[in-house]
Amino acid sequence: MINFGSFYQLIAQDERLFHWLDTLPAQLSEWRSNALHGHFSSWERMLDGLPDITPTELDFKNGVIANRTPALSAGEQLGLNNILKSLMPWRKGPFSLYGVDIDTEWRSDWKWDRVLPHLSPLEGRLVLDVGCGSGYHMWRMLGEGAECVVGIDPTQLFLCQFEAVRKLLGNDQRAHLIPIGIEQMPELKAFDTVFSMGVLYHRRSPLDHLWQLKNQLVSGGELVLESLVVDGDEFQCLIPGERYAQMRNVYFIPSAKMLKVWLEKCGFKNVHIVDENTTSLDEQRKTDWMITDSLDAFLDANDKTKTVEGYPAPKRAILIATKP
């Protein structure tokens, strides 16, 4: 059964985080009571069925890769493959685990390659990853030398995927996924770097989200913000109807220049737009590990520059900013 005892011990010994213990145990107790519904219990059983493997090779610098000498047998690989496939759909990755390659919907490594050149060094930093999904980028952050990475995401399946990967990586305790939203966090002002990637457009109040991110940073800390954008000047913002690219919960898609203004309005300094990139059909697609519709089905069949609703196709920007 998934438990958070090791995380409680970690934050109890860390003066930057120990105040979190005032609220977190009760929140996770409530989460546990709600998580007893649906498929969660069966996913936890799958975790219990994972083999205990001690990796002899770990690589978080070039991917999320674990290997062992001697290698798993073909039968062991098949068993591992079957357990991991029971946790589908896998959206963020890829992962390479003892000969089992999880080809996720998103090539999250491509996003990481766009983000990495613009980061302040992560060596020795305490990092928060908001909306972390299954935790792929958390491992890449450790690969860049982060001291500890805390991910938050309330989705039950993502937690189970993260815990499966962590077990197969040797139960690494430098990364923890906590199943809450940022609105449930106290203002810790503790993290040296905060990432929010692919979250902002899902928020009904995007400025509130930016303030919540700021309130988790130490003075001088760095925010890494990645979000959907549209072309245009600092006055341009798309407010979609019921759906955008078949997603229901998309509220505001500003231009990158407007997003910069928002960050400055919230008090961030040294705000830079460091990348803009139109999402390609090679970066987000159906795979054997995510078999439902993906980006291609969400775009106009006759004009891939538009969504099926007629809006501009997904384009994403990365902005870097500093808390004074």
Protein backbone atom coordinates (compact mmCIF):
# COMPACT_ATOMS: atom_id res chain seq x y z
CA MET A 1 0.00 0.00 0.00
CA ILE A 2 1.24 3.47 -0.84
CA ASN A 3 2.16 5.46 2.24
CA PHE A 4 3.86 8.77 2.81
CA GLY A 5 5.79 7.99 5.97
CA SER A 6 9.20 8.55 4.40
CA PHE A 7 8.09 11.95 3.12
CA TYR A 8 6.82 12.94 6.56
CA GLN A 9 10.21 11.99 8.00
CA LEU A 10 11.99 14.01 5.33
CA ILE A 11 10.04 17.22 5.90
CA ALA A 12 10.11 16.83 9.69
CA GLN A 13 13.90 17.07 9.50
CA ASP A 14 13.95 19.99 7.05
CA GLU A 15 13.39 23.45 8.54
CA ARG A 16 12.30 24.70 5.13
CA LEU A 17 9.38 22.27 4.96
CA PHE A 18 8.42 21.12 8.46
CA HIS A 19 5.50 23.58 8.71
CA TRP A 20 3.84 21.52 5.98
CA LEU A 21 3.18 18.89 8.64
CA ASP A 22 0.53 21.20 10.11
CA THR A 23 -1.81 20.47 7.19
CA LEU A 24 -0.52 17.65 5.01
CA PRO A 25 -1.31 14.53 7.09
CA ALA A 26 -5.00 15.43 7.36
CA GLN A 27 -5.17 16.21 3.64
CA LEU A 28 -3.60 12.89 2.70
CA SER A 29 -5.84 11.03 5.13
CA GLU A 30 -8.85 12.54 3.37
CA TRP A 31 -7.30 11.72 0.00
CA ARG A 32 -6.80 8.10 1.07
CA SER A 33 -10.45 7.75 2.06
CA ASN A 34 -11.55 9.09 -1.32
CA ALA A 35 -8.99 7.02 -3.22
CA LEU A 36 -10.61 3.75 -2.18
CA HIS A 37 -13.03 4.09 -5.10
CA GLY A 38 -12.57 3.15 -8.75
CA HIS A 39 -9.44 1.35 -9.91
CA PHE A 40 -7.06 2.61 -7.25
CA SER A 41 -7.05 -0.58 -5.18
CA SER A 42 -6.27 -2.71 -8.23
CA TRP A 43 -3.47 -0.33 -9.25
CA GLU A 44 -1.96 -0.64 -5.77
CA ARG A 45 -2.07 -4.43 -6.10
CA MET A 46 -0.14 -4.11 -9.36
CA LEU A 47 2.52 -2.15 -7.48
CA ASP A 48 2.78 -4.92 -4.92
CA GLY A 49 3.31 -7.37 -7.79
CA LEU A 50 6.33 -5.55 -9.18
CA PRO A 51 9.56 -7.51 -8.78
CA ASP A 52 12.24 -6.29 -6.41
CA ILE A 53 15.08 -5.38 -8.73
CA THR A 54 18.33 -3.70 -7.70
CA PRO A 55 19.56 -1.59 -10.62
CA THR A 56 23.24 -1.71 -11.51
CA GLU A 57 22.87 1.21 -13.92
CA LEU A 58 20.78 4.36 -13.51
CA ASP A 59 20.80 7.27 -15.93
CA PHE A 60 18.69 10.35 -15.26
CA LYS A 61 20.96 12.63 -17.27
CA ASN A 62 20.07 11.22 -20.69
CA GLY A 63 16.62 9.86 -19.89
CA VAL A 64 14.97 7.80 -17.18
CA ILE A 65 16.86 4.58 -17.65
CA ALA A 66 17.45 1.58 -15.38
CA ASN A 67 19.33 -1.59 -16.21
CA ARG A 68 20.68 -4.58 -14.32
CA THR A 69 23.53 -7.00 -14.81
CA PRO A 70 22.65 -9.78 -15.35
CA ALA A 71 19.76 -8.63 -17.56
CA LEU A 72 16.21 -9.81 -16.94
CA SER A 73 15.21 -12.95 -18.76
CA ALA A 74 12.67 -12.76 -21.56
CA GLY A 75 10.02 -14.14 -19.19
CA GLU A 76 10.87 -11.59 -16.50
CA GLN A 77 10.71 -8.78 -19.04
CA LEU A 78 7.30 -9.99 -20.21
CA GLY A 79 5.98 -10.10 -16.66
CA LEU A 80 7.27 -6.59 -15.97
CA ASN A 81 5.81 -5.35 -19.25
CA ASN A 82 2.39 -6.77 -18.37
CA ILE A 83 2.30 -5.15 -14.93
CA LEU A 84 3.32 -1.76 -16.29
CA LYS A 85 0.76 -1.99 -19.09
CA SER A 86 -1.93 -2.55 -16.47
CA LEU A 87 -1.22 1.07 -15.41
CA MET A 88 -2.07 2.51 -18.83
CA PRO A 89 -2.52 5.10 -20.20
CA TRP A 90 1.05 6.37 -19.87
CA ARG A 91 1.10 10.01 -20.96
CA LYS A 92 4.46 11.51 -19.89
CA GLY A 93 7.80 9.84 -20.50
CA PRO A 94 9.51 7.85 -22.02
CA PHE A 95 10.95 5.36 -19.55
CA SER A 96 13.41 2.55 -20.24
CA LEU A 97 13.28 -0.02 -17.44
CA TYR A 98 15.27 -3.26 -17.69
CA GLY A 99 14.48 -3.78 -21.37
CA VAL A 100 10.87 -2.57 -21.14
CA ASP A 101 10.50 0.67 -23.06
CA ILE A 102 7.42 2.69 -22.10
CA ASP A 103 6.64 4.72 -25.22
CA THR A 104 4.41 7.38 -23.71
CA GLU A 105 1.94 9.65 -25.50
CA TRP A 106 4.20 12.65 -24.98
CA ARG A 107 7.88 12.86 -25.80
CA SER A 108 8.47 14.72 -22.55
CA ASP A 109 12.20 14.45 -23.15
CA TRP A 110 11.78 16.88 -26.05
CA LYS A 111 10.20 19.43 -23.73
CA TRP A 112 13.02 18.90 -21.24
CA ASP A 113 15.57 19.52 -23.99
CA ARG A 114 13.89 22.86 -24.69
CA VAL A 115 13.74 23.83 -21.01
CA LEU A 116 17.19 22.71 -19.85
CA PRO A 117 19.42 25.28 -21.60
CA HIS A 118 17.59 28.14 -19.89
CA LEU A 119 17.57 26.89 -16.28
CA SER A 120 19.72 28.14 -13.49
CA PRO A 121 21.79 25.15 -12.35
CA LEU A 122 19.71 22.73 -10.29
CA GLU A 123 22.71 21.42 -8.36
CA GLY A 124 21.80 21.19 -4.67
CA ARG A 125 18.38 22.80 -5.13
CA LEU A 126 15.06 21.98 -3.49
CA VAL A 127 12.59 21.76 -6.38
CA LEU A 128 8.79 21.73 -6.66
CA ASP A 129 7.14 20.32 -9.81
CA VAL A 130 3.48 21.40 -9.96
CA GLY A 131 1.23 19.16 -12.05
CA CYS A 132 4.04 16.65 -12.38
CA GLY A 133 2.01 13.83 -13.97
CA SER A 134 3.78 10.49 -13.61
CA GLY A 135 6.97 12.26 -12.56
CA TYR A 136 9.16 11.96 -15.67
CA HIS A 137 10.64 15.43 -15.35
CA MET A 138 11.30 14.94 -11.64
CA TRP A 139 13.86 12.25 -12.44
CA ARG A 140 15.46 14.48 -15.07
CA MET A 141 15.73 17.24 -12.44
CA LEU A 142 17.61 14.81 -10.20
CA GLY A 143 19.81 14.06 -13.19
CA GLU A 144 20.80 17.72 -13.17
CA GLY A 145 21.85 17.54 -9.52
CA ALA A 146 18.74 18.63 -7.60
CA GLU A 147 18.96 17.76 -3.91
CA CYS A 148 15.29 16.81 -3.61
CA VAL A 149 12.27 17.08 -5.93
CA VAL A 150 8.69 17.24 -4.68
CA GLY A 151 5.98 16.73 -7.27
CA ILE A 152 2.31 17.47 -6.69
CA ASP A 153 -0.54 16.09 -8.78
CA PRO A 154 -3.91 14.87 -7.49
CA THR A 155 -4.43 12.23 -10.20
CA GLN A 156 -4.46 8.75 -8.66
CA LEU A 157 -3.12 6.93 -11.72
CA PHE A 158 -0.13 9.28 -11.97
CA LEU A 159 0.78 8.54 -8.36
CA CYS A 160 0.66 4.79 -9.02
CA GLN A 161 2.79 5.17 -12.16
CA PHE A 162 5.31 7.26 -10.23
CA GLU A 163 5.50 4.74 -7.40
CA ALA A 164 5.96 1.90 -9.90
CA VAL A 165 8.85 3.69 -11.57
CA ARG A 166 10.40 4.66 -8.23
CA LYS A 167 10.34 1.06 -7.04
CA LEU A 168 12.05 -0.05 -10.24
CA LEU A 169 14.65 2.70 -9.85
CA GLY A 170 15.72 1.30 -6.51
CA ASN A 171 13.19 3.14 -4.29
CA ASP A 172 15.00 6.47 -4.67
CA GLN A 173 13.96 8.78 -1.80
CA ARG A 174 15.12 12.01 -3.40
CA ALA A 175 11.83 12.33 -5.32
CA HIS A 176 8.31 12.27 -3.86
CA LEU A 177 4.91 12.71 -5.47
CA ILE A 178 2.19 14.08 -3.21
CA PRO A 179 -1.41 13.78 -4.51
CA ILE A 180 -2.67 17.29 -3.84
CA GLY A 181 -3.12 20.50 -5.82
CA ILE A 182 -1.09 23.63 -5.25
CA GLU A 183 -4.15 25.40 -3.84
CA GLN A 184 -3.93 22.97 -0.90
CA MET A 185 -0.34 23.90 -0.05
CA PRO A 186 0.57 26.40 2.65
CA GLU A 187 2.77 29.31 1.58
CA LEU A 188 6.05 27.55 2.28
CA LYS A 189 8.41 30.00 0.54
CA ALA A 190 10.89 27.10 0.61
CA PHE A 191 11.74 26.01 -2.92
CA ASP A 192 14.74 27.20 -4.92
CA THR A 193 13.07 26.30 -8.24
CA VAL A 194 9.39 25.80 -9.04
CA PHE A 195 8.18 24.26 -12.29
CA SER A 196 4.65 24.64 -13.64
CA MET A 197 4.43 22.98 -17.02
CA GLY A 198 1.12 22.36 -18.76
CA VAL A 199 -1.03 23.61 -15.88
CA LEU A 200 -1.85 27.31 -16.25
CA TYR A 201 -4.47 26.99 -18.99
CA HIS A 202 -6.42 24.56 -16.81
CA ARG A 203 -6.84 27.18 -14.06
CA ARG A 204 -9.99 29.28 -13.83
CA SER A 205 -7.92 32.07 -12.31
CA PRO A 206 -4.46 32.06 -13.91
CA LEU A 207 -3.16 35.02 -11.88
CA ASP A 208 -4.06 33.21 -8.67
CA HIS A 209 -2.02 30.26 -9.94
CA LEU A 210 0.98 32.50 -10.57
CA TRP A 211 0.69 33.94 -7.05
CA GLN A 212 0.50 30.40 -5.63
CA LEU A 213 3.69 29.50 -7.49
CA LYS A 214 5.42 32.64 -6.24
CA ASN A 215 4.44 31.84 -2.65
CA GLN A 216 6.33 28.54 -2.81
CA LEU A 217 9.62 30.15 -3.86
CA VAL A 218 12.40 31.48 -1.70
CA SER A 219 13.51 35.03 -2.39
CA GLY A 220 15.69 34.84 -5.47
CA GLY A 221 14.12 31.55 -6.49
CA GLU A 222 13.35 30.69 -10.10
CA LEU A 223 10.01 29.93 -11.73
CA VAL A 224 9.89 27.82 -14.88
CA LEU A 225 6.51 28.28 -16.54
CA GLU A 226 5.40 26.36 -19.63
CA SER A 227 1.93 26.80 -21.05
CA LEU A 228 -0.22 26.94 -24.15
CA VAL A 229 -0.03 30.28 -25.95
CA VAL A 230 -1.43 31.95 -29.05
CA ASP A 231 0.32 34.32 -31.41
CA GLY A 232 -0.12 38.03 -30.77
CA ASP A 233 0.92 41.04 -28.76
CA GLU A 234 0.58 41.64 -25.01
CA PHE A 235 -3.17 42.26 -25.43
CA GLN A 236 -3.96 38.94 -27.13
CA CYS A 237 -5.72 36.14 -25.24
CA LEU A 238 -7.91 33.28 -26.44
CA ILE A 239 -10.84 32.27 -24.23
CA PRO A 240 -12.08 29.02 -25.76
CA GLY A 241 -15.65 27.77 -25.68
CA GLU A 242 -16.62 24.44 -24.16
CA ARG A 243 -13.61 22.66 -25.61
CA TYR A 244 -10.15 23.38 -26.95
CA ALA A 245 -8.49 20.49 -28.86
CA GLN A 246 -11.20 18.34 -27.26
CA MET A 247 -10.12 19.35 -23.74
CA ARG A 248 -12.99 20.64 -21.61
CA ASN A 249 -11.11 22.48 -18.88
CA VAL A 250 -9.14 25.09 -20.86
CA TYR A 251 -9.93 28.62 -19.70
CA PHE A 252 -7.36 31.17 -20.88
CA ILE A 253 -4.66 30.90 -23.56
CA PRO A 254 -2.70 34.16 -23.64
CA SER A 255 0.04 35.19 -26.02
CA ALA A 256 3.56 34.66 -24.67
CA LYS A 257 3.86 38.45 -24.41
CA MET A 258 0.68 38.68 -22.34
CA LEU A 259 1.92 35.85 -20.14
CA LYS A 260 5.07 37.88 -19.51
CA VAL A 261 2.88 40.82 -18.46
CA TRP A 262 0.93 38.57 -16.10
CA LEU A 263 4.14 37.40 -14.43
CA GLU A 264 5.35 40.95 -14.02
CA LYS A 265 1.97 41.99 -12.61
CA CYS A 266 2.40 39.29 -9.95
CA GLY A 267 5.75 40.78 -8.98
CA PHE A 268 8.19 38.48 -10.78
CA LYS A 269 11.41 40.02 -12.09
CA ASN A 270 13.77 39.16 -14.95
CA VAL A 271 10.93 37.60 -16.94
CA HIS A 272 12.11 36.10 -20.21
CA ILE A 273 10.30 34.25 -22.98
CA VAL A 274 12.92 31.62 -23.80
CA ASP A 275 11.08 29.32 -26.19
CA GLU A 276 7.96 29.04 -28.34
CA ASN A 277 7.18 25.78 -30.08
CA THR A 278 4.20 24.40 -32.01
CA THR A 279 3.39 20.89 -30.78
CA SER A 280 4.07 18.37 -33.52
CA LEU A 281 2.34 15.08 -34.27
CA ASP A 282 5.63 13.35 -33.42
CA GLU A 283 5.74 14.87 -29.94
CA GLN A 284 2.18 13.96 -28.89
CA ARG A 285 0.69 10.81 -30.43
CA LYS A 286 -0.99 7.47 -29.87
CA THR A 287 1.30 4.60 -28.89
CA ASP A 288 0.98 1.04 -27.63
CA TRP A 289 1.09 2.55 -24.13
CA MET A 290 -1.60 5.20 -24.79
CA ILE A 291 -4.12 3.82 -27.25
CA THR A 292 -6.90 6.40 -27.09
CA ASP A 293 -7.09 9.48 -29.31
CA SER A 294 -4.21 11.91 -29.23
CA LEU A 295 -3.24 15.16 -30.95
CA ASP A 296 -3.90 14.07 -34.54
CA ALA A 297 -7.57 13.43 -33.71
CA PHE A 298 -7.84 16.85 -32.05
CA LEU A 299 -6.75 18.79 -35.14
CA ASP A 300 -8.80 19.68 -38.22
CA ALA A 301 -8.41 16.83 -40.69
CA ASN A 302 -8.04 19.29 -43.57
CA ASP A 303 -5.94 21.96 -41.82
CA LYS A 304 -3.51 20.83 -39.14
CA THR A 305 -2.87 24.45 -38.14
CA LYS A 306 -6.29 24.45 -36.46
CA THR A 307 -8.01 22.39 -33.80
CA VAL A 308 -11.23 20.57 -34.59
CA GLU A 309 -13.04 23.53 -33.01
CA GLY A 310 -11.32 25.98 -35.36
CA TYR A 311 -8.86 27.49 -32.87
CA PRO A 312 -5.10 27.78 -33.52
CA ALA A 313 -3.35 24.44 -33.06
CA PRO A 314 -1.47 23.96 -29.76
CA LYS A 315 1.62 26.10 -29.36
CA ARG A 316 3.62 26.27 -26.15
CA ALA A 317 5.93 28.84 -24.63
CA ILE A 318 8.49 28.59 -21.82
CA LEU A 319 9.10 31.59 -19.59
CA ILE A 320 11.70 31.95 -16.86
CA ALA A 321 11.20 34.42 -14.02
CA THR A 322 12.70 35.29 -10.63
CA LYS A 323 11.02 36.03 -7.31
CA PRO A 324 12.54 39.19 -5.80
